[in-house]
Amino acid sequence: MSVDKQTVQKIASLSRIAISEAEADALVPELNNILGWVEQLSEVDCKGVEPMTAVIPNKLRLREDKVTDGDIHDKVLANAPAAEHGFFGVPKVIE
C-alpha cells in the first residue's frame, strides 16, 4: 500500500490538522516508509510464538488486604468544622 498527497490531505482533514502543501509533500515519503516497515513486520514468521505482555516474566506483587490504621472515627471528625450525628455537617445548598 502506498500513500499519495491526496491521502495525506484527507488524513489531515479527518484529524483536524492543518498542513500546508509543502508539509503534505514531505509527509508522503515518511508515511510510505512507515507502511513499508509494517509490511516487513507482516513477513515475520511468528508461528509457535506465545503471545506475551512483557519481555521478562512478571508476577503481580500482592499484599495482604487488611486494615492497619482504622477505627479513628473520632479523630477524623475532630477536624470537621461541624459534626452532626457522627458525620461531617455541611451547609444546606438547596432550599
Protein backbone atom coordinates (compact mmCIF):
# COMPACT_ATOMS: atom_id res chain seq x y z
CA MET A 1 0.00 0.00 0.00
CA SER A 2 1.30 3.44 -0.84
CA VAL A 3 0.18 6.89 0.22
CA ASP A 4 -0.19 9.83 -2.14
CA LYS A 5 -0.60 13.54 -1.48
CA GLN A 6 -4.41 13.39 -1.63
CA THR A 7 -4.47 10.64 1.01
CA VAL A 8 -2.22 12.70 3.30
CA GLN A 9 -4.50 15.71 2.91
CA LYS A 10 -7.59 13.59 3.63
CA ILE A 11 -5.99 12.10 6.76
CA ALA A 12 -5.02 15.60 7.92
CA SER A 13 -8.56 16.80 7.29
CA LEU A 14 -10.10 13.90 9.20
CA SER A 15 -7.63 14.51 12.04
CA ARG A 16 -8.41 18.23 12.02
CA ILE A 17 -4.73 19.03 11.45
CA ALA A 18 -3.88 21.98 9.24
CA ILE A 19 -0.94 21.22 6.95
CA SER A 20 0.48 23.18 4.05
CA GLU A 21 1.21 21.85 0.58
CA ALA A 22 4.91 21.59 1.40
CA GLU A 23 4.18 19.65 4.60
CA ALA A 24 1.89 17.29 2.69
CA ASP A 25 4.65 16.69 0.13
CA ALA A 26 7.13 15.98 2.94
CA LEU A 27 4.78 13.57 4.71
CA VAL A 28 4.19 11.34 1.68
CA PRO A 29 7.60 9.59 1.73
CA GLU A 30 7.61 9.42 5.54
CA LEU A 31 4.24 7.67 5.66
CA ASN A 32 5.28 5.34 2.83
CA ASN A 33 8.42 4.39 4.83
CA ILE A 34 6.29 3.65 7.90
CA LEU A 35 3.94 1.48 5.86
CA GLY A 36 6.98 -0.30 4.39
CA TRP A 37 8.17 -1.18 7.90
CA VAL A 38 4.72 -2.51 8.77
CA GLU A 39 4.77 -4.68 5.66
CA GLN A 40 8.18 -6.05 6.74
CA LEU A 41 6.71 -6.98 10.12
CA SER A 42 3.91 -8.91 8.43
CA GLU A 43 6.55 -11.08 6.72
CA VAL A 44 7.97 -12.32 10.03
CA ASP A 45 7.10 -15.93 10.82
CA CYS A 46 5.58 -15.97 14.34
CA LYS A 47 4.03 -19.41 14.30
CA GLY A 48 4.57 -21.17 17.59
CA VAL A 49 5.44 -17.97 19.44
CA GLU A 50 3.35 -17.50 22.56
CA PRO A 51 1.77 -14.08 23.00
CA MET A 52 3.33 -12.08 25.79
CA THR A 53 2.80 -8.82 27.60
CA ALA A 54 6.42 -8.25 28.63
CA VAL A 55 9.86 -9.50 27.69
CA ILE A 56 10.60 -10.66 31.24
CA PRO A 57 8.32 -12.76 33.44
CA ASN A 58 6.46 -10.53 35.88
CA LYS A 59 4.49 -11.58 38.91
CA LEU A 60 1.88 -9.37 40.47
CA ARG A 61 3.07 -8.46 43.94
CA LEU A 62 0.06 -8.53 46.20
CA ARG A 63 -0.08 -7.59 49.83
CA GLU A 64 -2.47 -8.90 52.39
CA ASP A 65 -5.67 -6.87 52.35
CA LYS A 66 -6.14 -5.85 55.96
CA VAL A 67 -6.96 -2.66 57.82
CA THR A 68 -3.89 -1.32 59.58
CA ASP A 69 -4.93 2.08 60.90
CA GLY A 70 -8.71 2.10 61.07
CA ASP A 71 -11.06 2.86 63.95
CA ILE A 72 -10.11 6.55 64.20
CA HIS A 73 -13.60 7.88 63.54
CA ASP A 74 -13.49 10.35 66.43
CA LYS A 75 -10.07 11.71 65.42
CA VAL A 76 -11.27 12.33 61.87
CA LEU A 77 -14.44 14.09 63.00
CA ALA A 78 -12.36 16.29 65.33
CA ASN A 79 -11.09 18.07 62.19
CA ALA A 80 -14.59 18.82 60.91
CA PRO A 81 -15.87 22.39 61.28
CA ALA A 82 -19.30 20.94 62.09
CA ALA A 83 -20.08 17.34 63.02
CA GLU A 84 -23.66 16.10 63.19
CA HIS A 85 -24.68 12.61 64.33
CA GLY A 86 -21.23 11.18 63.62
CA PHE A 87 -20.95 12.69 60.11
CA PHE A 88 -19.48 15.83 58.58
CA GLY A 89 -22.02 18.65 58.71
CA VAL A 90 -22.28 20.73 55.55
CA PRO A 91 -24.31 23.85 54.84
CA LYS A 92 -27.62 23.42 53.07
CA VAL A 93 -27.28 24.06 49.33
CA ILE A 94 -30.83 23.63 48.07
CA GLU A 95 -33.69 25.43 49.79
